[in-house]
Amino acid sequence: MTSFSWTEEDVLRCCGSKRFAKELASASPFSDLHHAIQSTCRIWFNKVASLPPSSLLSITLADPFTHLLILQIDVVGWLEAFTAHPPIGPISPSVSPSISQWSKEEQSAAMATANDTTLQELVDWNIRYQEKFGVVFLI
């Protein structure tokens, strides 16, 4: 059986988290797709989006905002990845070429059937969502 490897650049084409890309590239080579998926999940949920042990020491049950502290620490890697992803619909010229191509392929069926009105609505609703939540809308 042939193994395969991913470089940081390979991973960054589909996920904008630099830490995740570095960790996943370091975990290469993979013996098969199942091994790659297991490694991906382990890295994402235990290294990128996990709470550092030192932060747990500073959080006490008496703190009324414990849930906010956890959210701020817990989502840094996720937000980095989400920020790198372009919005659904027409691709902005400011998006990196590799992410742009990936997204075009990912959204090609929907974009092929969308009319001008639908495309404009996507742009409008993406802007509203970004203004309200501060992040790009993803499904």
C-alpha atoms as a PDB file:
ATOM      1  CA  MET A   1       0.000   0.000   0.000  1.00  0.00           C
ATOM      2  CA  THR A   2       1.281   3.472  -0.894  1.00  0.00           C
ATOM      3  CA  SER A   3       1.324   6.243   1.683  1.00  0.00           C
ATOM      4  CA  PHE A   4       0.785   9.918   0.884  1.00  0.00           C
ATOM      5  CA  SER A   5       1.842  13.218   2.415  1.00  0.00           C
ATOM      6  CA  TRP A   6       0.513  16.742   2.564  1.00  0.00           C
ATOM      7  CA  THR A   7       2.612  19.879   2.847  1.00  0.00           C
ATOM      8  CA  GLU A   8       1.525  22.950   4.801  1.00  0.00           C
ATOM      9  CA  GLU A   9       0.721  24.628   1.479  1.00  0.00           C
ATOM     10  CA  ASP A  10      -1.513  21.682   0.496  1.00  0.00           C
ATOM     11  CA  VAL A  11      -3.518  21.994   3.707  1.00  0.00           C
ATOM     12  CA  LEU A  12      -3.738  25.792   3.512  1.00  0.00           C
ATOM     13  CA  ARG A  13      -5.505  25.464   0.151  1.00  0.00           C
ATOM     14  CA  CYS A  14      -8.580  24.170   1.942  1.00  0.00           C
ATOM     15  CA  CYS A  15      -8.115  25.381   5.547  1.00  0.00           C
ATOM     16  CA  GLY A  16      -6.729  28.763   6.526  1.00  0.00           C
ATOM     17  CA  SER A  17      -5.536  27.716   9.988  1.00  0.00           C
ATOM     18  CA  LYS A  18      -1.736  27.923   9.904  1.00  0.00           C
ATOM     19  CA  ARG A  19      -1.382  25.904  13.092  1.00  0.00           C
ATOM     20  CA  PHE A  20      -3.599  23.144  11.702  1.00  0.00           C
ATOM     21  CA  ALA A  21      -1.672  23.098   8.414  1.00  0.00           C
ATOM     22  CA  LYS A  22       1.652  22.818  10.240  1.00  0.00           C
ATOM     23  CA  GLU A  23       0.417  20.055  12.554  1.00  0.00           C
ATOM     24  CA  LEU A  24      -1.206  18.033   9.764  1.00  0.00           C
ATOM     25  CA  ALA A  25       1.843  18.306   7.507  1.00  0.00           C
ATOM     26  CA  SER A  26       3.990  17.147  10.435  1.00  0.00           C
ATOM     27  CA  ALA A  27       1.717  14.125  10.918  1.00  0.00           C
ATOM     28  CA  SER A  28       2.332  13.001   7.308  1.00  0.00           C
ATOM     29  CA  PRO A  29       2.768  10.545   5.696  1.00  0.00           C
ATOM     30  CA  PHE A  30      -0.602   8.818   5.987  1.00  0.00           C
ATOM     31  CA  SER A  31      -1.080   5.137   5.231  1.00  0.00           C
ATOM     32  CA  ASP A  32      -4.584   5.685   3.826  1.00  0.00           C
ATOM     33  CA  LEU A  33      -7.536   8.084   3.831  1.00  0.00           C
ATOM     34  CA  HIS A  34      -8.839   6.709   7.149  1.00  0.00           C
ATOM     35  CA  HIS A  35      -5.471   7.436   8.798  1.00  0.00           C
ATOM     36  CA  ALA A  36      -5.517  10.975   7.352  1.00  0.00           C
ATOM     37  CA  ILE A  37      -9.061  11.614   8.629  1.00  0.00           C
ATOM     38  CA  GLN A  38      -8.210  10.278  12.096  1.00  0.00           C
ATOM     39  CA  SER A  39      -5.140  12.515  12.231  1.00  0.00           C
ATOM     40  CA  THR A  40      -7.148  15.499  11.012  1.00  0.00           C
ATOM     41  CA  CYS A  41      -9.778  15.069  13.739  1.00  0.00           C
ATOM     42  CA  ARG A  42      -7.187  14.463  16.462  1.00  0.00           C
ATOM     43  CA  ILE A  43      -5.219  17.567  15.483  1.00  0.00           C
ATOM     44  CA  TRP A  44      -8.239  19.844  14.967  1.00  0.00           C
ATOM     45  CA  PHE A  45     -10.037  18.956  18.195  1.00  0.00           C
ATOM     46  CA  ASN A  46      -7.036  18.361  20.475  1.00  0.00           C
ATOM     47  CA  LYS A  47      -4.413  20.822  19.271  1.00  0.00           C
ATOM     48  CA  VAL A  48      -6.014  23.630  17.268  1.00  0.00           C
ATOM     49  CA  ALA A  49      -9.352  24.174  18.985  1.00  0.00           C
ATOM     50  CA  SER A  50      -8.510  22.903  22.451  1.00  0.00           C
ATOM     51  CA  LEU A  51      -7.996  24.868  25.640  1.00  0.00           C
ATOM     52  CA  PRO A  52      -4.368  25.172  26.673  1.00  0.00           C
ATOM     53  CA  PRO A  53      -3.883  23.625  30.149  1.00  0.00           C
ATOM     54  CA  SER A  54      -2.535  26.920  31.524  1.00  0.00           C
ATOM     55  CA  SER A  55      -5.789  28.702  30.667  1.00  0.00           C
ATOM     56  CA  LEU A  56      -7.814  26.185  32.662  1.00  0.00           C
ATOM     57  CA  LEU A  57      -5.944  27.151  35.807  1.00  0.00           C
ATOM     58  CA  SER A  58      -7.056  30.768  35.539  1.00  0.00           C
ATOM     59  CA  ILE A  59     -10.740  29.937  35.108  1.00  0.00           C
ATOM     60  CA  THR A  60     -12.716  29.456  38.310  1.00  0.00           C
ATOM     61  CA  LEU A  61     -16.320  28.499  38.912  1.00  0.00           C
ATOM     62  CA  ALA A  62     -16.810  31.822  40.697  1.00  0.00           C
ATOM     63  CA  ASP A  63     -16.104  33.711  37.491  1.00  0.00           C
ATOM     64  CA  PRO A  64     -19.501  34.670  35.986  1.00  0.00           C
ATOM     65  CA  PHE A  65     -17.981  34.893  32.506  1.00  0.00           C
ATOM     66  CA  THR A  66     -16.240  31.508  32.397  1.00  0.00           C
ATOM     67  CA  HIS A  67     -18.148  30.506  29.275  1.00  0.00           C
ATOM     68  CA  LEU A  68     -16.906  33.620  27.466  1.00  0.00           C
ATOM     69  CA  LEU A  69     -13.282  32.922  28.408  1.00  0.00           C
ATOM     70  CA  ILE A  70     -13.613  29.390  27.099  1.00  0.00           C
ATOM     71  CA  LEU A  71     -15.187  30.569  23.835  1.00  0.00           C
ATOM     72  CA  GLN A  72     -12.457  33.136  23.239  1.00  0.00           C
ATOM     73  CA  ILE A  73      -9.700  30.577  23.760  1.00  0.00           C
ATOM     74  CA  ASP A  74     -11.460  27.640  22.147  1.00  0.00           C
ATOM     75  CA  VAL A  75     -12.201  29.109  18.715  1.00  0.00           C
ATOM     76  CA  VAL A  76      -9.001  30.884  17.687  1.00  0.00           C
ATOM     77  CA  GLY A  77      -7.957  28.181  15.204  1.00  0.00           C
ATOM     78  CA  TRP A  78     -11.476  27.887  13.870  1.00  0.00           C
ATOM     79  CA  LEU A  79     -11.803  31.625  13.314  1.00  0.00           C
ATOM     80  CA  GLU A  80      -8.485  31.716  11.474  1.00  0.00           C
ATOM     81  CA  ALA A  81      -9.755  28.981   9.142  1.00  0.00           C
ATOM     82  CA  PHE A  82     -13.165  30.623   8.679  1.00  0.00           C
ATOM     83  CA  THR A  83     -11.608  34.018   7.960  1.00  0.00           C
ATOM     84  CA  ALA A  84      -9.587  32.541   5.094  1.00  0.00           C
ATOM     85  CA  HIS A  85     -12.725  31.112   3.471  1.00  0.00           C
ATOM     86  CA  PRO A  86     -14.517  33.316   0.959  1.00  0.00           C
ATOM     87  CA  PRO A  87     -18.256  33.890   1.273  1.00  0.00           C
ATOM     88  CA  ILE A  88     -20.760  31.752  -0.582  1.00  0.00           C
ATOM     89  CA  GLY A  89     -21.489  33.205  -3.991  1.00  0.00           C
ATOM     90  CA  PRO A  90     -19.405  35.460  -6.190  1.00  0.00           C
ATOM     91  CA  ILE A  91     -15.715  35.296  -5.230  1.00  0.00           C
ATOM     92  CA  SER A  92     -13.999  38.536  -4.243  1.00  0.00           C
ATOM     93  CA  PRO A  93     -10.764  39.360  -6.118  1.00  0.00           C
ATOM     94  CA  SER A  94      -9.017  39.802  -2.731  1.00  0.00           C
ATOM     95  CA  VAL A  95      -9.350  36.078  -1.930  1.00  0.00           C
ATOM     96  CA  SER A  96      -6.183  34.030  -2.434  1.00  0.00           C
ATOM     97  CA  PRO A  97      -6.082  32.235  -5.810  1.00  0.00           C
ATOM     98  CA  SER A  98      -5.839  28.729  -4.306  1.00  0.00           C
ATOM     99  CA  ILE A  99      -8.774  29.269  -1.931  1.00  0.00           C
ATOM    100  CA  SER A 100     -10.685  31.013  -4.721  1.00  0.00           C
ATOM    101  CA  GLN A 101     -10.262  28.057  -7.103  1.00  0.00           C
ATOM    102  CA  TRP A 102     -11.209  25.572  -4.378  1.00  0.00           C
ATOM    103  CA  SER A 103     -14.356  27.545  -3.554  1.00  0.00           C
ATOM    104  CA  LYS A 104     -15.320  27.924  -7.206  1.00  0.00           C
ATOM    105  CA  GLU A 105     -15.159  24.146  -7.614  1.00  0.00           C
ATOM    106  CA  GLU A 106     -17.027  23.604  -4.344  1.00  0.00           C
ATOM    107  CA  GLN A 107     -19.816  26.001  -5.297  1.00  0.00           C
ATOM    108  CA  SER A 108     -19.882  25.376  -9.054  1.00  0.00           C
ATOM    109  CA  ALA A 109     -23.223  23.526  -9.229  1.00  0.00           C
ATOM    110  CA  ALA A 110     -25.080  26.168  -7.236  1.00  0.00           C
ATOM    111  CA  MET A 111     -23.425  29.038  -9.086  1.00  0.00           C
ATOM    112  CA  ALA A 112     -24.231  27.507 -12.477  1.00  0.00           C
ATOM    113  CA  THR A 113     -27.957  27.586 -11.723  1.00  0.00           C
ATOM    114  CA  ALA A 114     -28.079  30.971  -9.955  1.00  0.00           C
ATOM    115  CA  ASN A 115     -29.505  33.987 -11.761  1.00  0.00           C
ATOM    116  CA  ASP A 116     -28.387  37.615 -11.301  1.00  0.00           C
ATOM    117  CA  THR A 117     -31.014  38.262  -8.628  1.00  0.00           C
ATOM    118  CA  THR A 118     -29.891  35.254  -6.588  1.00  0.00           C
ATOM    119  CA  LEU A 119     -26.243  36.256  -6.886  1.00  0.00           C
ATOM    120  CA  GLN A 120     -27.014  39.796  -5.701  1.00  0.00           C
ATOM    121  CA  GLU A 121     -29.037  38.418  -2.774  1.00  0.00           C
ATOM    122  CA  LEU A 122     -26.057  36.240  -1.798  1.00  0.00           C
ATOM    123  CA  VAL A 123     -23.801  39.292  -1.801  1.00  0.00           C
ATOM    124  CA  ASP A 124     -26.321  41.327   0.242  1.00  0.00           C
ATOM    125  CA  TRP A 125     -26.964  38.578   2.813  1.00  0.00           C
ATOM    126  CA  ASN A 126     -23.246  37.792   3.133  1.00  0.00           C
ATOM    127  CA  ILE A 127     -22.604  41.444   3.962  1.00  0.00           C
ATOM    128  CA  ARG A 128     -25.434  41.506   6.525  1.00  0.00           C
ATOM    129  CA  TYR A 129     -24.190  38.300   8.167  1.00  0.00           C
ATOM    130  CA  GLN A 130     -20.594  39.562   8.319  1.00  0.00           C
ATOM    131  CA  GLU A 131     -21.706  42.886   9.818  1.00  0.00           C
ATOM    132  CA  LYS A 132     -23.851  41.166  12.442  1.00  0.00           C
ATOM    133  CA  PHE A 133     -21.556  38.285  13.464  1.00  0.00           C
ATOM    134  CA  GLY A 134     -18.113  39.460  12.335  1.00  0.00           C
ATOM    135  CA  VAL A 135     -17.373  36.288  10.362  1.00  0.00           C
ATOM    136  CA  VAL A 136     -18.168  34.904   6.923  1.00  0.00           C
ATOM    137  CA  PHE A 137     -21.309  32.752   6.597  1.00  0.00           C
ATOM    138  CA  LEU A 138     -20.425  29.097   5.941  1.00  0.00           C
ATOM    139  CA  ILE A 139     -22.546  25.991   5.672  1.00  0.00           C
END
